[in-house]
Amino acid sequence: MKEQENKDVNPHRGETLSSFLEEKGSYEKVSLAAIKNVLAWAIQEEMQKQKLTKMAMAEKMKTSRPQLDRLLDPENTGVTLHTIYKAAEVLGKKIKLELV
């Protein structure tokens, strides 16, 4: 009976998601994707509130539409801080980074 009970126990029970992802070697990838997803969503939401099209946003940022598309692509984590800063500035927002 005890053998059956042990088989039903989740070996990861009690772990945090962070520690589980670290153990599996995917913490960095998942974290970057989550941060970029939230950032892209926030920029798109603010663009909608301000009724800014992608073309108008790119013009105000003094960049190309494809560059803006890369910024708004939740899966593209290779966007520079400079591009993020320019987008925030155009939207009248600030970027706040925190090292914890």
C-alpha atoms as a PDB file:
ATOM      1  CA  MET A   1       0.000   0.000   0.000  1.00  0.00           C
ATOM      2  CA  LYS A   2       2.850   2.379   0.870  1.00  0.00           C
ATOM      3  CA  GLU A   3       4.445   1.776  -2.570  1.00  0.00           C
ATOM      4  CA  GLN A   4       1.238   2.934  -4.295  1.00  0.00           C
ATOM      5  CA  GLU A   5       1.107   6.081  -2.148  1.00  0.00           C
ATOM      6  CA  ASN A   6       4.698   6.988  -3.100  1.00  0.00           C
ATOM      7  CA  LYS A   7       3.919   6.576  -6.816  1.00  0.00           C
ATOM      8  CA  ASP A   8       1.093   9.122  -6.558  1.00  0.00           C
ATOM      9  CA  VAL A   9       3.237  11.774  -4.870  1.00  0.00           C
ATOM     10  CA  ASN A  10       4.395  14.574  -7.121  1.00  0.00           C
ATOM     11  CA  PRO A  11       8.196  14.838  -6.738  1.00  0.00           C
ATOM     12  CA  HIS A  12       8.018  18.596  -7.393  1.00  0.00           C
ATOM     13  CA  ARG A  13       5.342  19.316  -4.804  1.00  0.00           C
ATOM     14  CA  GLY A  14       6.198  22.289  -2.656  1.00  0.00           C
ATOM     15  CA  GLU A  15       8.599  23.777  -5.200  1.00  0.00           C
ATOM     16  CA  THR A  16       8.151  27.228  -6.618  1.00  0.00           C
ATOM     17  CA  LEU A  17       7.698  27.655 -10.343  1.00  0.00           C
ATOM     18  CA  SER A  18      11.016  29.511 -10.428  1.00  0.00           C
ATOM     19  CA  SER A  19      12.936  26.676  -8.804  1.00  0.00           C
ATOM     20  CA  PHE A  20      11.250  24.126 -11.061  1.00  0.00           C
ATOM     21  CA  LEU A  21      12.174  26.117 -14.195  1.00  0.00           C
ATOM     22  CA  GLU A  22      15.732  26.607 -12.939  1.00  0.00           C
ATOM     23  CA  GLU A  23      16.024  22.863 -12.388  1.00  0.00           C
ATOM     24  CA  LYS A  24      14.819  22.213 -15.943  1.00  0.00           C
ATOM     25  CA  GLY A  25      17.171  24.879 -17.361  1.00  0.00           C
ATOM     26  CA  SER A  26      14.431  27.041 -18.836  1.00  0.00           C
ATOM     27  CA  TYR A  27      14.059  29.815 -16.249  1.00  0.00           C
ATOM     28  CA  GLU A  28      15.845  32.494 -18.311  1.00  0.00           C
ATOM     29  CA  LYS A  29      13.940  31.723 -21.515  1.00  0.00           C
ATOM     30  CA  VAL A  30      10.553  31.684 -19.787  1.00  0.00           C
ATOM     31  CA  SER A  31      11.311  34.853 -17.799  1.00  0.00           C
ATOM     32  CA  LEU A  32      12.416  36.793 -20.884  1.00  0.00           C
ATOM     33  CA  ALA A  33       9.342  35.664 -22.798  1.00  0.00           C
ATOM     34  CA  ALA A  34       7.018  36.673 -19.948  1.00  0.00           C
ATOM     35  CA  ILE A  35       8.607  40.106 -19.540  1.00  0.00           C
ATOM     36  CA  LYS A  36       8.519  40.778 -23.289  1.00  0.00           C
ATOM     37  CA  ASN A  37       4.926  39.593 -23.523  1.00  0.00           C
ATOM     38  CA  VAL A  38       3.811  42.008 -20.800  1.00  0.00           C
ATOM     39  CA  LEU A  39       5.836  44.867 -22.270  1.00  0.00           C
ATOM     40  CA  ALA A  40       4.455  44.347 -25.800  1.00  0.00           C
ATOM     41  CA  TRP A  41       0.914  44.139 -24.416  1.00  0.00           C
ATOM     42  CA  ALA A  42       1.333  47.345 -22.372  1.00  0.00           C
ATOM     43  CA  ILE A  43       2.681  49.288 -25.358  1.00  0.00           C
ATOM     44  CA  GLN A  44      -0.136  48.057 -27.609  1.00  0.00           C
ATOM     45  CA  GLU A  45      -2.750  48.924 -24.982  1.00  0.00           C
ATOM     46  CA  GLU A  46      -1.387  52.454 -24.628  1.00  0.00           C
ATOM     47  CA  MET A  47      -1.242  52.871 -28.404  1.00  0.00           C
ATOM     48  CA  GLN A  48      -4.936  51.896 -28.584  1.00  0.00           C
ATOM     49  CA  LYS A  49      -5.847  54.326 -25.783  1.00  0.00           C
ATOM     50  CA  GLN A  50      -4.075  57.113 -27.636  1.00  0.00           C
ATOM     51  CA  LYS A  51      -5.496  55.954 -30.991  1.00  0.00           C
ATOM     52  CA  LEU A  52      -2.006  55.628 -32.483  1.00  0.00           C
ATOM     53  CA  THR A  53      -1.614  53.385 -35.503  1.00  0.00           C
ATOM     54  CA  LYS A  54       1.558  51.384 -35.955  1.00  0.00           C
ATOM     55  CA  MET A  55       2.607  53.671 -38.784  1.00  0.00           C
ATOM     56  CA  ALA A  56       2.083  56.811 -36.672  1.00  0.00           C
ATOM     57  CA  MET A  57       3.880  55.248 -33.717  1.00  0.00           C
ATOM     58  CA  ALA A  58       6.862  54.281 -35.900  1.00  0.00           C
ATOM     59  CA  GLU A  59       7.030  57.799 -37.327  1.00  0.00           C
ATOM     60  CA  LYS A  60       6.963  59.388 -33.866  1.00  0.00           C
ATOM     61  CA  MET A  61       9.688  56.997 -32.724  1.00  0.00           C
ATOM     62  CA  LYS A  62      11.709  57.890 -35.846  1.00  0.00           C
ATOM     63  CA  THR A  63      12.007  54.228 -36.711  1.00  0.00           C
ATOM     64  CA  SER A  64      10.647  51.795 -39.267  1.00  0.00           C
ATOM     65  CA  ARG A  65       7.398  49.876 -39.100  1.00  0.00           C
ATOM     66  CA  PRO A  66       9.294  46.527 -39.089  1.00  0.00           C
ATOM     67  CA  GLN A  67      11.305  47.735 -36.059  1.00  0.00           C
ATOM     68  CA  LEU A  68       8.055  48.591 -34.266  1.00  0.00           C
ATOM     69  CA  ASP A  69       6.666  45.177 -35.221  1.00  0.00           C
ATOM     70  CA  ARG A  70       9.710  43.555 -33.564  1.00  0.00           C
ATOM     71  CA  LEU A  71       9.038  45.610 -30.432  1.00  0.00           C
ATOM     72  CA  LEU A  72       5.396  44.514 -30.383  1.00  0.00           C
ATOM     73  CA  ASP A  73       6.203  40.860 -31.101  1.00  0.00           C
ATOM     74  CA  PRO A  74       5.917  39.089 -27.725  1.00  0.00           C
ATOM     75  CA  GLU A  75       8.309  36.355 -28.849  1.00  0.00           C
ATOM     76  CA  ASN A  76      11.101  38.676 -29.978  1.00  0.00           C
ATOM     77  CA  THR A  77      13.214  39.216 -26.857  1.00  0.00           C
ATOM     78  CA  GLY A  78      16.106  40.828 -28.749  1.00  0.00           C
ATOM     79  CA  VAL A  79      14.742  44.386 -28.641  1.00  0.00           C
ATOM     80  CA  THR A  80      17.127  47.033 -27.300  1.00  0.00           C
ATOM     81  CA  LEU A  81      16.515  49.191 -24.260  1.00  0.00           C
ATOM     82  CA  HIS A  82      16.884  52.215 -26.526  1.00  0.00           C
ATOM     83  CA  THR A  83      13.897  51.096 -28.627  1.00  0.00           C
ATOM     84  CA  ILE A  84      11.822  50.395 -25.524  1.00  0.00           C
ATOM     85  CA  TYR A  85      12.743  53.812 -24.114  1.00  0.00           C
ATOM     86  CA  LYS A  86      11.767  55.579 -27.363  1.00  0.00           C
ATOM     87  CA  ALA A  87       8.379  53.839 -27.408  1.00  0.00           C
ATOM     88  CA  ALA A  88       7.696  54.808 -23.795  1.00  0.00           C
ATOM     89  CA  GLU A  89       8.746  58.401 -24.476  1.00  0.00           C
ATOM     90  CA  VAL A  90       6.405  58.692 -27.476  1.00  0.00           C
ATOM     91  CA  LEU A  91       3.552  57.377 -25.326  1.00  0.00           C
ATOM     92  CA  GLY A  92       4.340  59.840 -22.527  1.00  0.00           C
ATOM     93  CA  LYS A  93       5.416  57.013 -20.230  1.00  0.00           C
ATOM     94  CA  LYS A  94       8.611  56.034 -18.439  1.00  0.00           C
ATOM     95  CA  ILE A  95      10.389  52.715 -18.197  1.00  0.00           C
ATOM     96  CA  LYS A  96      11.136  51.513 -14.715  1.00  0.00           C
ATOM     97  CA  LEU A  97      13.663  48.695 -14.338  1.00  0.00           C
ATOM     98  CA  GLU A  98      14.502  47.063 -11.069  1.00  0.00           C
ATOM     99  CA  LEU A  99      17.372  44.776 -10.206  1.00  0.00           C
ATOM    100  CA  VAL A 100      16.235  42.442  -7.438  1.00  0.00           C
END
